[in-house]
Protein backbone atom coordinates (compact mmCIF):
# COMPACT_ATOMS: atom_id res chain seq x y z
CA UNK A 1 -6.44 -7.36 -6.98
CA UNK A 2 -4.52 -4.26 -8.05
CA UNK A 3 -1.34 -3.49 -9.99
CA UNK A 4 0.27 -0.67 -8.04
CA UNK A 5 -0.32 1.85 -10.83
CA UNK A 6 -2.10 4.85 -9.35
CA UNK A 7 -4.99 6.04 -11.53
CA UNK A 8 -5.84 9.21 -9.64
CA UNK A 9 -4.95 11.27 -6.60
CA UNK A 10 -8.00 11.79 -4.42
CA UNK A 11 -8.59 14.25 -1.59
CA UNK A 12 -9.84 13.39 1.88
CA UNK A 13 -12.83 15.64 2.51
CA UNK A 14 -13.96 14.40 5.89
CA UNK A 15 -12.78 11.99 8.58
CA UNK A 16 -15.46 10.79 11.01
CA UNK A 17 -14.90 8.69 14.12
CA UNK A 18 -17.41 5.85 14.16
CA UNK A 19 -18.09 3.04 16.60
CA UNK A 20 -16.74 0.54 14.06
CA UNK A 21 -13.71 2.59 13.06
CA UNK A 22 -13.11 5.70 10.95
CA UNK A 23 -15.20 6.77 7.99
CA UNK A 24 -13.34 8.55 5.21
CA UNK A 25 -15.08 10.73 2.65
CA UNK A 26 -12.88 10.97 -0.43
CA UNK A 27 -13.30 13.18 -3.48
CA UNK A 28 -12.14 11.66 -6.76
CA UNK A 29 -13.61 13.10 -9.94
CA UNK A 30 -12.64 10.15 -12.17
CA UNK A 31 -12.65 7.11 -9.89
CA UNK A 32 -15.93 7.97 -8.15
CA UNK A 33 -17.83 7.78 -11.44
CA UNK A 34 -16.88 4.11 -11.82
CA UNK A 35 -17.44 3.07 -8.22
CA UNK A 36 -20.60 1.64 -6.73
CA UNK A 37 -21.52 0.66 -3.19
CA UNK A 38 -19.76 -2.59 -2.34
CA UNK A 39 -16.92 -2.10 -4.83
CA UNK A 40 -13.29 -2.36 -3.82
CA UNK A 41 -10.85 0.51 -4.19
CA UNK A 42 -7.22 0.94 -3.20
CA UNK A 43 -6.63 3.98 -0.98
CA UNK A 44 -2.93 4.55 -0.31
CA UNK A 45 -2.43 0.86 -1.05
CA UNK A 46 -5.17 -0.30 1.31
CA UNK A 47 -8.02 -2.34 -0.15
CA UNK A 48 -11.24 -0.77 1.08
CA UNK A 49 -14.94 -1.33 0.39
CA UNK A 50 -17.03 1.56 -0.86
CA UNK A 51 -19.88 2.12 1.59
CA UNK A 52 -21.56 4.94 -0.34
CA UNK A 53 -21.08 7.19 -3.34
CA UNK A 54 -22.51 10.58 -4.22
CA UNK A 55 -21.36 12.36 -7.36
CA UNK A 56 -17.58 12.74 -7.25
CA UNK A 57 -17.29 11.56 -3.63
CA UNK A 58 -17.30 8.15 -2.00
CA UNK A 59 -16.91 6.80 1.54
CA UNK A 60 -15.01 3.88 3.03
CA UNK A 61 -14.94 2.58 6.60
CA UNK A 62 -11.48 1.83 8.01
CA UNK A 63 -11.75 -0.88 10.66
CA UNK A 64 -9.58 -0.98 13.84
CA UNK A 65 -7.18 -3.52 12.31
CA UNK A 66 -6.72 -1.24 9.30
CA UNK A 67 -5.98 1.71 11.55
CA UNK A 68 -3.49 -0.41 13.49
CA UNK A 69 -1.51 -1.64 10.50
CA UNK A 70 -1.62 1.40 8.23
CA UNK A 71 -1.09 5.15 8.41
CA UNK A 72 -4.83 5.79 7.99
CA UNK A 73 -4.99 7.04 11.56
CA UNK A 74 -2.92 10.03 10.41
CA UNK A 75 -5.19 10.98 7.52
CA UNK A 76 -6.82 14.39 7.89
CA UNK A 77 -9.25 16.47 5.82
CA UNK A 78 -7.40 18.02 2.90
CA UNK A 79 -4.89 15.19 2.70
CA UNK A 80 -4.22 13.59 -0.68
CA UNK A 81 -4.37 9.84 -1.26
CA UNK A 82 -3.34 7.48 -4.05
CA UNK A 83 -6.30 5.71 -5.65
CA UNK A 84 -6.53 2.66 -7.89
CA UNK A 85 -9.51 0.71 -9.13
CA UNK A 86 -9.33 -3.10 -9.17
CA UNK A 87 -7.60 -4.79 -12.09
CA UNK A 88 -9.94 -5.98 -14.84
CA UNK A 89 -9.27 -9.43 -16.31
CA UNK A 90 -8.93 -7.77 -19.70
CA UNK A 91 -6.59 -5.08 -18.39
CA UNK A 92 -2.83 -4.76 -18.57
CA UNK A 93 -0.61 -5.74 -15.67
CA UNK A 94 1.80 -2.84 -15.82
CA UNK A 95 3.09 -3.03 -12.25
CA UNK A 96 2.90 -6.21 -10.16
CA UNK A 97 0.17 -8.10 -8.34
CA UNK A 98 -0.89 -6.01 -5.34
CA UNK A 99 -3.59 -7.29 -2.99
CA UNK A 100 -4.19 -4.16 -0.94
CA UNK A 101 -3.41 -6.01 2.30
CA UNK A 102 -0.81 -3.93 4.10
CA UNK A 103 1.94 -5.78 5.96
CA UNK A 104 3.37 -2.94 7.99
CA UNK A 105 4.41 0.70 8.00
CA UNK A 106 7.98 1.63 7.14
CA UNK A 107 9.78 4.90 7.85
CA UNK A 108 11.44 6.88 5.09
CA UNK A 109 15.02 7.10 6.34
CA UNK A 110 16.90 8.93 3.62
CA UNK A 111 16.30 10.63 0.27
CA UNK A 112 19.10 10.56 -2.27
CA UNK A 113 18.80 13.07 -5.07
CA UNK A 114 19.99 11.62 -8.32
CA UNK A 115 19.89 12.50 -11.97
CA UNK A 116 16.52 11.57 -13.38
CA UNK A 117 14.79 11.01 -10.03
CA UNK A 118 15.46 10.17 -6.40
CA UNK A 119 16.42 7.16 -4.34
CA UNK A 120 14.63 6.33 -1.10
CA UNK A 121 16.08 4.28 1.72
CA UNK A 122 13.26 2.71 3.71
CA UNK A 123 13.35 1.07 7.13
CA UNK A 124 13.10 -2.72 6.87
CA UNK A 125 11.96 -4.48 10.06
CA UNK A 126 13.92 -7.68 10.64
CA UNK A 127 10.81 -9.86 10.64
CA UNK A 128 10.14 -8.90 7.00
CA UNK A 129 13.70 -9.06 5.68
CA UNK A 130 13.20 -12.41 3.93
CA UNK A 131 10.42 -10.95 1.78
CA UNK A 132 12.59 -8.33 0.09
CA UNK A 133 14.99 -9.17 -2.73
CA UNK A 134 16.99 -6.83 -4.93
CA UNK A 135 15.18 -6.17 -8.23
CA UNK A 136 12.03 -7.57 -6.66
CA UNK A 137 8.76 -5.68 -6.22
CA UNK A 138 7.28 -3.79 -3.30
CA UNK A 139 4.28 -1.46 -3.00
CA UNK A 140 4.60 1.81 -1.05
CA UNK A 141 1.38 3.77 -0.51
CA UNK A 142 -0.10 1.58 -3.25
CA UNK A 143 2.63 2.40 -5.77
CA UNK A 144 4.45 -0.49 -7.44
CA UNK A 145 8.21 -0.02 -7.11
CA UNK A 146 11.36 -2.04 -7.73
CA UNK A 147 13.82 -2.75 -4.94
CA UNK A 148 17.02 -1.02 -6.06
CA UNK A 149 19.25 -1.87 -3.12
CA UNK A 150 19.48 -3.73 0.17
CA UNK A 151 21.40 -3.14 3.37
CA UNK A 152 20.93 -4.54 6.86
CA UNK A 153 17.71 -3.05 8.22
CA UNK A 154 16.86 -1.05 5.11
CA UNK A 155 15.95 -1.27 1.44
CA UNK A 156 16.11 1.21 -1.41
CA UNK A 157 13.65 2.10 -4.15
CA UNK A 158 14.19 4.40 -7.12
CA UNK A 159 11.53 6.91 -8.13
CA UNK A 160 11.39 8.62 -11.51
CA UNK A 161 9.95 12.14 -11.95
CA UNK A 162 6.71 10.75 -13.44
CA UNK A 163 6.02 8.70 -10.31
CA UNK A 164 6.76 11.65 -8.05
CA UNK A 165 4.39 13.83 -10.08
CA UNK A 166 1.45 11.45 -10.53
CA UNK A 167 1.35 10.03 -6.98
CA UNK A 168 1.59 11.44 -3.48
CA UNK A 169 5.13 10.10 -3.07
CA UNK A 170 6.52 13.43 -4.21
CA UNK A 171 5.01 14.98 -1.07
CA UNK A 172 6.76 12.63 1.36
CA UNK A 173 9.67 13.62 3.61
CA UNK A 174 12.20 11.77 5.71
CA UNK A 175 10.61 10.50 8.89
CA UNK A 176 7.24 9.81 7.25
CA UNK A 177 5.69 6.38 7.70
CA UNK A 178 4.41 4.72 4.54
CA UNK A 179 2.10 1.76 3.99
CA UNK A 180 4.08 -1.24 2.75
CA UNK A 181 2.90 -4.39 1.02
CA UNK A 182 5.57 -6.93 0.21
CA UNK A 183 5.27 -9.16 -2.85
CA UNK A 184 2.50 -11.63 -2.07
CA UNK A 185 4.11 -14.34 -4.23
CA UNK A 186 7.08 -14.27 -1.87
CA UNK A 187 4.72 -14.73 1.08
CA UNK A 188 3.20 -17.88 -0.42
CA UNK A 189 6.64 -19.31 -1.19
CA UNK A 190 7.67 -18.54 2.37
CA UNK A 191 4.63 -20.37 3.75
CA UNK A 192 5.24 -23.37 1.51
CA UNK A 193 8.86 -23.65 2.64
CA UNK A 194 7.84 -23.41 6.29
CA UNK A 195 5.15 -26.06 5.82
CA UNK A 196 7.63 -28.51 4.32
CA UNK A 197 10.52 -27.59 6.60
CA UNK A 198 9.09 -26.33 9.92
CA UNK A 199 12.54 -25.90 11.44
CA UNK A 200 13.61 -23.48 8.70
CA UNK A 201 13.85 -19.88 9.86
CA UNK A 202 13.54 -17.28 7.13
CA UNK A 203 13.50 -14.24 9.37
CA UNK A 204 9.79 -13.46 9.46
CA UNK A 205 7.15 -14.33 12.01
CA UNK A 206 3.95 -15.99 10.89
CA UNK A 207 1.38 -13.57 12.27
CA UNK A 208 1.40 -10.96 9.46
CA UNK A 209 0.76 -13.74 6.94
CA UNK A 210 -2.40 -14.96 8.66
CA UNK A 211 -4.28 -11.66 8.61
CA UNK A 212 -7.30 -10.80 6.52
CA UNK A 213 -8.88 -14.22 6.30
CA UNK A 214 -12.51 -13.81 5.30
CA UNK A 215 -12.24 -10.14 4.33
CA UNK A 216 -10.61 -8.05 1.66
CA UNK A 217 -9.70 -5.34 4.16
CA UNK A 218 -6.87 -5.20 6.60
């Protein structure tokens, strides 16, 4: 479990094609010191398992389903990634509960420059529309953000200068595809409503909610 508060920006050193998927070698001077083989780490919002660690570098193996649902397939050596270590029970929940299980990718449609930051309009696929509410939470690239506006087929988030500076979001441009995780509490509520009222249609198909059973990776 994560909070959506990025602790460090890491750098992809090497991307290797493996039989099982893609192996990523990531350099992170702070995070790597705390990680051990088998630990979980959020990489651009994706919960991954550390397969090895050496000094300030660690590796993760992105499985085919991860590559399908996320933008990991576009990662290249030299690219920067948002990193977060799992939430400790004694830690502060400064963002919102983030599982690291990506629902989909969404395209950055428009950037509005505003005093004190920027506003982003993101593409919102119809099948996920019921999971987004104004003033609710959403994670983009592993960053906890508040939904600042809603329109048919799109939602808006507001980013302050600190967020743009301390995450990779400040490097994004219109047309980029970002990893999106919708509020998991909303997913459970959605499932409960469907279980009690099967005929109710909330605008989302069931398949994205059944992924990741038996694994903490997507």
